[in-house]
Amino acid sequence: MAVACGGHTPEPVGNSGGRGSAAVTRAGSAAVVPAGSAAAVAAIVPDVGCPDPSCAYHPGTATYFTCLSGGAGACFHFGGPCTPAGSCMFDAQARAYKQCARPVEGTCAQWGTAACAPASACMFDPDDGLHHHCDDVAGGACRTYGALCAP
């Protein structure tokens, strides 16, 4: 059984009392009573939230990709290339965040002159390869890294 994001709740289906499968839904959850079961009891599956992908820096390629699953300072499952909000991107050569004047497929083809920092203050630390909350940002670089954060 597949449950998809998008705000559409499946239609409830009642058990006809016969032998066979009946799906029961409540608050967007669904359960299936297997064929041949004696009781018409349905287990309620809790709602699972839709993922909220972010645009994360991948240090191995110096490219930004949609992060479909991440935490503890790293992205575990990457999707397609993306451009972070405001085109504020990490420049590996400068070891700092800069405004990108021309983002292309998750990379920066032309850097602007302004330094920047992600609004979340979750910044890539080139020393350990993980994302940390930056406690002290200066000129697009982080002077003091704090706790790990989800990219």
Protein backbone atom coordinates (compact mmCIF):
# COMPACT_ATOMS: atom_id res chain seq x y z
CA MET A 1 0.00 0.00 0.00
CA ALA A 2 1.38 3.42 -0.89
CA VAL A 3 0.57 6.69 0.81
CA ALA A 4 1.45 9.84 -1.07
CA CYS A 5 1.90 13.46 -0.05
CA GLY A 6 -0.28 16.11 -1.58
CA GLY A 7 -3.14 16.67 0.82
CA HIS A 8 -5.54 14.11 -0.67
CA THR A 9 -7.08 11.83 1.93
CA PRO A 10 -8.16 8.42 0.65
CA GLU A 11 -11.86 7.64 0.67
CA PRO A 12 -12.97 5.42 3.58
CA VAL A 13 -14.07 1.91 2.65
CA GLY A 14 -16.16 -0.07 5.09
CA ASN A 15 -15.95 -3.78 5.78
CA SER A 16 -18.83 -5.57 4.08
CA GLY A 17 -18.62 -8.37 6.61
CA GLY A 18 -17.59 -10.89 3.99
CA ARG A 19 -14.30 -12.67 3.67
CA GLY A 20 -11.77 -10.55 1.86
CA SER A 21 -9.83 -7.37 2.35
CA ALA A 22 -11.29 -4.11 3.53
CA ALA A 23 -9.37 -0.87 3.84
CA VAL A 24 -10.29 1.44 6.67
CA THR A 25 -9.10 5.04 6.85
CA ARG A 26 -9.14 7.61 9.61
CA ALA A 27 -7.49 11.03 9.55
CA GLY A 28 -5.51 10.22 6.43
CA SER A 29 -4.32 6.87 7.75
CA ALA A 30 -5.07 3.52 6.22
CA ALA A 31 -5.04 -0.07 7.34
CA VAL A 32 -5.85 -3.32 5.59
CA VAL A 33 -7.64 -6.30 7.08
CA PRO A 34 -6.15 -9.37 5.39
CA ALA A 35 -8.33 -11.81 3.52
CA GLY A 36 -9.66 -14.63 5.66
CA SER A 37 -9.40 -12.80 8.97
CA ALA A 38 -12.20 -13.61 11.38
CA ALA A 39 -12.51 -10.16 12.89
CA ALA A 40 -13.14 -6.87 11.19
CA VAL A 41 -10.52 -5.10 13.31
CA ALA A 42 -8.35 -2.49 11.66
CA ALA A 43 -5.05 -1.21 12.99
CA ILE A 44 -4.65 2.54 12.66
CA VAL A 45 -1.38 3.61 11.10
CA PRO A 46 -0.17 7.01 12.34
CA ASP A 47 0.12 9.83 9.84
CA VAL A 48 3.60 10.23 8.41
CA GLY A 49 4.50 13.77 7.46
CA CYS A 50 5.67 14.66 4.01
CA PRO A 51 9.41 15.27 3.71
CA ASP A 52 10.56 18.86 3.58
CA PRO A 53 13.56 18.73 1.26
CA SER A 54 16.29 21.33 1.51
CA CYS A 55 19.08 22.39 -0.82
CA ALA A 56 22.34 21.03 0.63
CA TYR A 57 25.99 21.38 -0.30
CA HIS A 58 27.74 18.15 -1.34
CA PRO A 59 31.47 18.57 -0.56
CA GLY A 60 32.57 15.70 -2.80
CA THR A 61 31.33 17.47 -5.91
CA ALA A 62 31.15 21.10 -4.69
CA THR A 63 27.55 21.07 -5.91
CA TYR A 64 24.19 21.75 -4.29
CA PHE A 65 21.56 19.01 -4.45
CA THR A 66 18.08 18.60 -3.05
CA CYS A 67 18.48 16.81 0.27
CA LEU A 68 15.66 14.31 0.56
CA SER A 69 16.80 12.91 3.91
CA GLY A 70 19.37 14.26 6.29
CA GLY A 71 20.35 15.08 9.83
CA ALA A 72 23.30 15.07 12.20
CA GLY A 73 25.17 17.48 9.95
CA ALA A 74 24.91 15.47 6.73
CA CYS A 75 22.56 14.65 3.90
CA PHE A 76 21.93 10.94 3.51
CA HIS A 77 19.90 10.92 0.29
CA PHE A 78 20.46 13.45 -2.48
CA GLY A 79 18.06 14.32 -5.29
CA GLY A 80 18.58 16.63 -8.26
CA PRO A 81 20.72 19.77 -8.40
CA CYS A 82 19.30 22.94 -6.85
CA THR A 83 20.14 26.54 -5.93
CA PRO A 84 19.80 27.54 -2.26
CA ALA A 85 17.54 30.42 -1.25
CA GLY A 86 18.93 33.79 -2.24
CA SER A 87 21.69 32.09 -4.27
CA CYS A 88 23.89 32.10 -1.16
CA MET A 89 26.37 29.29 -1.89
CA PHE A 90 29.50 27.85 -0.30
CA ASP A 91 32.69 28.65 -2.25
CA ALA A 92 35.14 25.82 -1.47
CA GLN A 93 38.18 27.82 -2.65
CA ALA A 94 37.36 30.81 -0.43
CA ARG A 95 36.02 28.54 2.36
CA ALA A 96 33.13 30.97 2.76
CA TYR A 97 29.60 31.64 1.60
CA LYS A 98 29.19 34.08 -1.28
CA GLN A 99 26.39 35.45 -3.34
CA CYS A 100 26.27 33.58 -6.65
CA ALA A 101 25.57 35.84 -9.63
CA ARG A 102 25.00 32.94 -12.02
CA PRO A 103 23.93 29.61 -10.51
CA VAL A 104 23.91 26.66 -12.94
CA GLU A 105 22.80 23.10 -12.05
CA GLY A 106 23.76 23.37 -8.38
CA THR A 107 27.09 25.12 -8.96
CA CYS A 108 28.11 28.75 -9.29
CA ALA A 109 29.30 29.76 -12.75
CA GLN A 110 30.02 33.33 -11.62
CA TRP A 111 30.51 34.58 -8.08
CA GLY A 112 29.20 37.94 -6.98
CA THR A 113 31.16 40.22 -4.68
CA ALA A 114 28.95 40.05 -1.60
CA ALA A 115 29.45 37.65 1.27
CA CYS A 116 26.33 36.00 2.67
CA ALA A 117 25.14 33.36 5.12
CA PRO A 118 22.18 30.97 5.01
CA ALA A 119 19.15 32.35 6.87
CA SER A 120 19.07 29.21 9.03
CA ALA A 121 22.73 29.76 10.05
CA CYS A 122 23.26 26.06 9.27
CA MET A 123 26.63 26.23 7.51
CA PHE A 124 29.05 23.73 5.99
CA ASP A 125 32.27 23.28 7.97
CA PRO A 126 35.09 22.37 5.53
CA ASP A 127 37.23 21.05 8.39
CA ASP A 128 34.93 18.15 9.30
CA GLY A 129 32.69 18.02 6.22
CA LEU A 130 29.49 18.44 8.23
CA HIS A 131 26.89 21.18 8.67
CA HIS A 132 26.81 23.02 11.98
CA HIS A 133 24.83 25.93 13.36
CA CYS A 134 27.13 28.94 13.09
CA ASP A 135 27.28 30.92 16.31
CA ASP A 136 29.47 33.72 14.87
CA VAL A 137 29.28 34.62 11.15
CA ALA A 138 31.73 37.11 9.66
CA GLY A 139 32.22 37.87 5.98
CA GLY A 140 30.44 34.70 4.82
CA ALA A 141 32.60 32.47 7.00
CA CYS A 142 31.83 30.96 10.36
CA ARG A 143 34.17 31.88 13.20
CA THR A 144 32.48 29.67 15.79
CA TYR A 145 30.63 26.47 14.89
CA GLY A 146 28.02 25.10 17.27
CA ALA A 147 25.85 22.00 17.25
CA LEU A 148 25.31 19.84 14.19
CA CYS A 149 22.27 20.76 12.12
CA ALA A 150 20.34 19.18 9.26
CA PRO A 151 21.53 20.64 5.95
